[in-house]
N, C-alpha and C. Protein backbone atom coordinates (compact mmCIF):
# COMPACT_ATOMS: atom_id res chain seq x y z
N MET A 1 17.59 -10.39 -37.08
CA MET A 1 17.54 -9.64 -38.31
C MET A 1 18.70 -8.65 -38.31
N ARG A 2 19.35 -8.57 -39.40
CA ARG A 2 20.47 -7.65 -39.53
C ARG A 2 20.02 -6.45 -40.35
N THR A 3 20.35 -5.25 -39.84
CA THR A 3 20.00 -4.03 -40.56
C THR A 3 21.06 -2.97 -40.29
N SER A 4 21.06 -1.95 -41.09
CA SER A 4 22.02 -0.87 -40.93
C SER A 4 21.23 0.43 -40.76
N ILE A 5 21.46 1.11 -39.61
CA ILE A 5 20.76 2.37 -39.34
C ILE A 5 21.74 3.36 -38.71
N GLU A 6 21.43 4.62 -38.85
CA GLU A 6 22.24 5.66 -38.21
C GLU A 6 21.55 6.07 -36.92
N LEU A 7 22.31 6.04 -35.82
CA LEU A 7 21.78 6.40 -34.51
C LEU A 7 22.63 7.51 -33.90
N ASP A 8 22.03 8.28 -33.03
CA ASP A 8 22.73 9.32 -32.28
C ASP A 8 23.67 8.61 -31.30
N GLU A 9 24.97 8.73 -31.52
CA GLU A 9 25.95 8.00 -30.72
C GLU A 9 25.87 8.34 -29.23
N ALA A 10 25.69 9.62 -28.92
CA ALA A 10 25.59 10.03 -27.52
C ALA A 10 24.35 9.43 -26.86
N LEU A 11 23.26 9.38 -27.61
CA LEU A 11 22.02 8.81 -27.08
C LEU A 11 22.17 7.31 -26.84
N VAL A 12 22.83 6.62 -27.75
CA VAL A 12 23.07 5.18 -27.58
C VAL A 12 23.94 4.94 -26.35
N GLU A 13 24.99 5.73 -26.19
CA GLU A 13 25.87 5.57 -25.03
C GLU A 13 25.12 5.83 -23.73
N GLU A 14 24.28 6.85 -23.71
CA GLU A 14 23.49 7.14 -22.51
C GLU A 14 22.52 6.00 -22.22
N ALA A 15 21.89 5.47 -23.25
CA ALA A 15 20.96 4.35 -23.08
C ALA A 15 21.70 3.12 -22.57
N GLN A 16 22.90 2.87 -23.08
CA GLN A 16 23.69 1.74 -22.60
C GLN A 16 24.02 1.89 -21.12
N THR A 17 24.33 3.11 -20.71
CA THR A 17 24.64 3.36 -19.30
C THR A 17 23.43 3.10 -18.42
N TYR A 18 22.28 3.65 -18.81
CA TYR A 18 21.05 3.46 -18.04
C TYR A 18 20.64 2.00 -17.99
N ALA A 19 20.78 1.31 -19.11
CA ALA A 19 20.33 -0.08 -19.20
C ALA A 19 21.34 -1.05 -18.59
N GLY A 20 22.57 -0.63 -18.46
CA GLY A 20 23.59 -1.51 -17.92
C GLY A 20 23.98 -2.61 -18.90
N VAL A 21 23.93 -2.31 -20.17
CA VAL A 21 24.31 -3.28 -21.20
C VAL A 21 25.54 -2.78 -21.93
N GLY A 22 26.25 -3.70 -22.58
CA GLY A 22 27.50 -3.32 -23.20
C GLY A 22 27.49 -3.15 -24.70
N THR A 23 26.50 -3.73 -25.36
CA THR A 23 26.53 -3.68 -26.82
C THR A 23 25.35 -2.88 -27.36
N MET A 24 25.55 -2.38 -28.57
CA MET A 24 24.48 -1.64 -29.23
C MET A 24 23.30 -2.58 -29.52
N HIS A 25 23.61 -3.82 -29.87
CA HIS A 25 22.55 -4.80 -30.13
C HIS A 25 21.65 -4.94 -28.90
N GLU A 26 22.26 -5.06 -27.72
CA GLU A 26 21.48 -5.22 -26.49
C GLU A 26 20.63 -4.00 -26.19
N VAL A 27 21.19 -2.81 -26.37
CA VAL A 27 20.44 -1.60 -26.04
C VAL A 27 19.29 -1.38 -27.02
N VAL A 28 19.50 -1.67 -28.30
CA VAL A 28 18.42 -1.51 -29.28
C VAL A 28 17.33 -2.55 -29.02
N ASP A 29 17.73 -3.79 -28.72
CA ASP A 29 16.76 -4.84 -28.42
C ASP A 29 15.91 -4.47 -27.20
N LEU A 30 16.57 -3.99 -26.14
CA LEU A 30 15.86 -3.58 -24.93
C LEU A 30 14.94 -2.40 -25.21
N ALA A 31 15.41 -1.44 -25.98
CA ALA A 31 14.59 -0.26 -26.30
C ALA A 31 13.33 -0.66 -27.06
N LEU A 32 13.47 -1.58 -28.01
CA LEU A 32 12.30 -2.03 -28.77
C LEU A 32 11.31 -2.77 -27.87
N LYS A 33 11.82 -3.62 -26.98
CA LYS A 33 10.94 -4.36 -26.06
C LYS A 33 10.18 -3.39 -25.16
N GLU A 34 10.88 -2.39 -24.63
CA GLU A 34 10.22 -1.43 -23.75
C GLU A 34 9.22 -0.58 -24.51
N PHE A 35 9.53 -0.21 -25.74
CA PHE A 35 8.61 0.57 -26.57
C PHE A 35 7.31 -0.21 -26.79
N VAL A 36 7.44 -1.48 -27.15
CA VAL A 36 6.26 -2.31 -27.40
C VAL A 36 5.46 -2.49 -26.12
N ALA A 37 6.13 -2.71 -24.99
CA ALA A 37 5.42 -2.89 -23.71
C ALA A 37 4.64 -1.63 -23.34
N ILE A 38 5.24 -0.47 -23.54
CA ILE A 38 4.56 0.80 -23.23
C ILE A 38 3.33 0.97 -24.11
N ARG A 39 3.46 0.68 -25.40
CA ARG A 39 2.32 0.82 -26.31
C ARG A 39 1.21 -0.17 -25.99
N ARG A 40 1.58 -1.39 -25.60
CA ARG A 40 0.56 -2.38 -25.22
C ARG A 40 -0.23 -1.91 -24.01
N ARG A 41 0.48 -1.38 -23.00
CA ARG A 41 -0.20 -0.88 -21.81
C ARG A 41 -1.11 0.29 -22.17
N ARG A 42 -0.66 1.15 -23.05
CA ARG A 42 -1.48 2.29 -23.48
C ARG A 42 -2.74 1.79 -24.19
N ASP A 43 -2.58 0.81 -25.05
CA ASP A 43 -3.73 0.27 -25.78
C ASP A 43 -4.74 -0.38 -24.83
N ILE A 44 -4.24 -1.07 -23.81
CA ILE A 44 -5.14 -1.69 -22.82
C ILE A 44 -5.86 -0.59 -22.05
N GLY A 45 -5.15 0.47 -21.70
CA GLY A 45 -5.76 1.59 -20.98
C GLY A 45 -6.87 2.25 -21.76
N GLU A 46 -6.77 2.23 -23.08
CA GLU A 46 -7.81 2.84 -23.90
C GLU A 46 -9.12 2.05 -23.86
N LEU A 47 -9.06 0.81 -23.37
CA LEU A 47 -10.27 -0.01 -23.26
C LEU A 47 -11.08 0.33 -22.01
N PHE A 48 -10.47 1.11 -21.09
CA PHE A 48 -11.15 1.44 -19.85
C PHE A 48 -12.49 2.10 -20.14
N GLY A 49 -13.53 1.55 -19.56
CA GLY A 49 -14.87 2.08 -19.75
C GLY A 49 -15.58 1.56 -20.98
N LYS A 50 -14.88 0.79 -21.80
CA LYS A 50 -15.48 0.26 -23.03
C LYS A 50 -15.84 -1.22 -22.91
N VAL A 51 -15.31 -1.87 -21.89
CA VAL A 51 -15.54 -3.30 -21.71
C VAL A 51 -16.46 -3.49 -20.52
N GLU A 52 -17.52 -4.24 -20.73
CA GLU A 52 -18.44 -4.53 -19.62
C GLU A 52 -17.99 -5.80 -18.91
N ILE A 53 -17.94 -5.73 -17.60
CA ILE A 53 -17.55 -6.88 -16.80
C ILE A 53 -18.75 -7.30 -15.97
N ASP A 54 -19.02 -8.60 -16.00
CA ASP A 54 -20.14 -9.16 -15.25
C ASP A 54 -19.85 -9.02 -13.76
N PRO A 55 -20.65 -8.29 -13.01
CA PRO A 55 -20.38 -8.08 -11.58
C PRO A 55 -20.46 -9.38 -10.77
N ASP A 56 -21.12 -10.40 -11.31
CA ASP A 56 -21.24 -11.68 -10.60
C ASP A 56 -20.11 -12.65 -10.95
N TYR A 57 -19.22 -12.28 -11.84
CA TYR A 57 -18.13 -13.17 -12.24
C TYR A 57 -17.15 -13.35 -11.09
N ASP A 58 -16.86 -14.61 -10.76
CA ASP A 58 -15.95 -14.92 -9.66
C ASP A 58 -14.62 -15.40 -10.23
N TYR A 59 -13.69 -14.47 -10.44
CA TYR A 59 -12.41 -14.84 -11.02
C TYR A 59 -11.59 -15.72 -10.08
N LYS A 60 -11.86 -15.67 -8.79
CA LYS A 60 -11.12 -16.50 -7.84
C LYS A 60 -11.53 -17.96 -7.92
N ALA A 61 -12.70 -18.23 -8.45
CA ALA A 61 -13.16 -19.62 -8.58
C ALA A 61 -12.23 -20.42 -9.48
N LEU A 62 -11.69 -19.80 -10.51
CA LEU A 62 -10.76 -20.49 -11.40
C LEU A 62 -9.50 -20.90 -10.66
N ARG A 63 -9.08 -20.13 -9.71
CA ARG A 63 -7.87 -20.46 -8.94
C ARG A 63 -8.12 -21.62 -7.99
N ARG A 64 -9.34 -21.77 -7.52
CA ARG A 64 -9.67 -22.84 -6.56
C ARG A 64 -9.84 -24.19 -7.24
N GLU A 65 -9.97 -24.23 -8.55
CA GLU A 65 -10.25 -25.47 -9.25
C GLU A 65 -9.04 -26.38 -9.39
N ASP A 66 -7.89 -25.98 -8.92
CA ASP A 66 -6.68 -26.83 -9.01
C ASP A 66 -6.84 -27.96 -8.11
């Protein structure tokens, strides 16, 4: 997708340095991926204590069925 946005040039340069990428496209793409990953982990963490897990469930049994 092509779009036009104004970004803080110093911030983009710093992000490029930390990420080890050379283009603005790469740094924006990486930043979006990391943002989504962080939010997904946060959302999963909010489920803690809300999901009941069967204490007798043997998750290792699925691995042995190969």
